[in-house]
Amino acid sequence: MSYKQSVISVGTSPTLIGTPGPGGILVQNLSAVAVFLGGPNVTADAAATGGLTLPASVTTPVLVPTGLRPTTVDADDGLYARVATGTASVSVLGAL
C-alpha cells in the first residue's frame, strides 16, 4: 500500500483536501486557527452546514468512504475544509 501526503492552504471558501481511499485519511491542522471539515458546502459556523471543528494544532483520522460500489468515486465524495477568517495550513496523509 502506498501513501499520499500534502500540505494544503485553506481559506474562507470550501477547499477540497482529500478524496476517498481504502483507509480514510489523517488531517492535521498546522495553524493557530480552527479549521472546519465537511462536504462541498461546509460553513465555518454552527449552522446546519457547519463543519466538524478541528482545533489549532490537532490531528484527527477521518473516514471518507467511497460511493455505493467500493471501486467507484462519486462526484460529491471528498473532504473539504475552510476557516472563518484568514487562512490555515492542513497536512493530509492517506492510503492510495
Protein backbone atom coordinates (compact mmCIF):
# COMPACT_ATOMS: atom_id res chain seq x y z
CA MET A 1 0.00 0.00 0.00
CA SER A 2 1.32 3.43 -0.86
CA TYR A 3 0.54 6.75 0.77
CA LYS A 4 -0.06 10.26 -0.48
CA GLN A 5 0.73 13.31 1.62
CA SER A 6 0.29 17.01 1.06
CA VAL A 7 0.07 20.35 2.81
CA ILE A 8 -2.86 22.46 1.65
CA SER A 9 -3.70 26.11 2.26
CA VAL A 10 -7.32 26.58 3.32
CA GLY A 11 -9.20 29.87 3.16
CA THR A 12 -12.73 31.08 3.73
CA SER A 13 -14.17 29.10 0.80
CA PRO A 14 -14.52 25.29 0.91
CA THR A 15 -11.30 23.69 -0.35
CA LEU A 16 -11.02 20.03 -1.35
CA ILE A 17 -8.34 18.49 0.89
CA GLY A 18 -8.88 14.77 0.39
CA THR A 19 -10.62 12.15 -1.71
CA PRO A 20 -11.79 8.64 -0.85
CA GLY A 21 -9.23 5.97 -0.15
CA PRO A 22 -9.29 2.50 1.34
CA GLY A 23 -8.19 3.57 4.82
CA GLY A 24 -9.56 7.08 5.17
CA ILE A 25 -7.18 9.98 5.77
CA LEU A 26 -5.41 11.76 8.59
CA VAL A 27 -5.81 15.53 8.75
CA GLN A 28 -3.56 17.74 10.88
CA ASN A 29 -4.29 21.41 11.47
CA LEU A 30 -0.89 23.13 11.26
CA SER A 31 -2.25 26.57 12.06
CA ALA A 32 -3.27 28.64 15.07
CA VAL A 33 -6.93 28.91 13.95
CA ALA A 34 -9.71 26.33 13.87
CA VAL A 35 -10.42 24.53 10.60
CA PHE A 36 -13.92 23.26 9.75
CA LEU A 37 -14.20 19.91 7.92
CA GLY A 38 -17.17 18.71 5.88
CA GLY A 39 -18.67 18.41 2.43
CA PRO A 40 -18.50 20.80 -0.52
CA ASN A 41 -20.92 23.25 1.15
CA VAL A 42 -19.24 23.27 4.59
CA THR A 43 -19.55 26.50 6.57
CA ALA A 44 -17.37 27.78 9.40
CA ASP A 45 -20.13 28.15 11.98
CA ALA A 46 -22.83 26.30 13.95
CA ALA A 47 -25.37 26.32 11.08
CA ALA A 48 -26.83 23.11 9.67
CA THR A 49 -23.98 23.06 7.14
CA GLY A 50 -21.36 23.81 9.80
CA GLY A 51 -18.38 21.52 9.73
CA LEU A 52 -16.57 19.38 12.26
CA THR A 53 -14.22 21.73 14.10
CA LEU A 54 -10.54 20.77 14.04
CA PRO A 55 -8.89 22.99 16.65
CA ALA A 56 -5.44 24.50 16.15
CA SER A 57 -2.54 22.02 16.09
CA VAL A 58 -4.77 18.91 16.29
CA THR A 59 -4.68 15.73 14.17
CA THR A 60 -7.76 13.59 13.50
CA PRO A 61 -8.48 10.46 11.45
CA VAL A 62 -11.34 10.95 9.01
CA LEU A 63 -13.10 8.11 7.21
CA VAL A 64 -14.03 9.29 3.73
CA PRO A 65 -15.99 6.40 2.21
CA THR A 66 -16.28 5.75 -1.49
CA GLY A 67 -19.57 5.61 -3.39
CA LEU A 68 -22.10 2.79 -3.35
CA ARG A 69 -19.67 0.46 -5.10
CA PRO A 70 -16.28 0.19 -3.38
CA THR A 71 -14.30 0.81 -6.58
CA THR A 72 -16.15 3.97 -7.62
CA VAL A 73 -15.90 7.59 -6.59
CA ASP A 74 -18.99 9.77 -6.72
CA ALA A 75 -18.79 13.41 -7.80
CA ASP A 76 -19.58 14.57 -4.25
CA ASP A 77 -17.08 12.29 -2.49
CA GLY A 78 -14.28 14.13 -0.80
CA LEU A 79 -13.39 16.08 2.30
CA TYR A 80 -13.45 19.86 2.28
CA ALA A 81 -12.06 22.39 4.76
CA ARG A 82 -12.41 26.09 5.42
CA VAL A 83 -11.72 28.67 8.09
CA ALA A 84 -13.87 31.51 9.44
CA THR A 85 -11.29 34.20 8.60
CA GLY A 86 -7.81 34.30 7.16
CA THR A 87 -6.04 31.12 6.06
CA ALA A 88 -4.76 27.91 7.59
CA SER A 89 -2.47 25.09 6.51
CA VAL A 90 -3.54 21.48 6.89
CA SER A 91 -1.43 18.39 6.36
CA VAL A 92 -3.19 15.37 4.85
CA LEU A 93 -1.99 11.74 4.77
CA GLY A 94 -3.96 8.97 3.07
CA ALA A 95 -3.53 5.49 1.69
CA LEU A 96 -3.92 5.08 -2.06
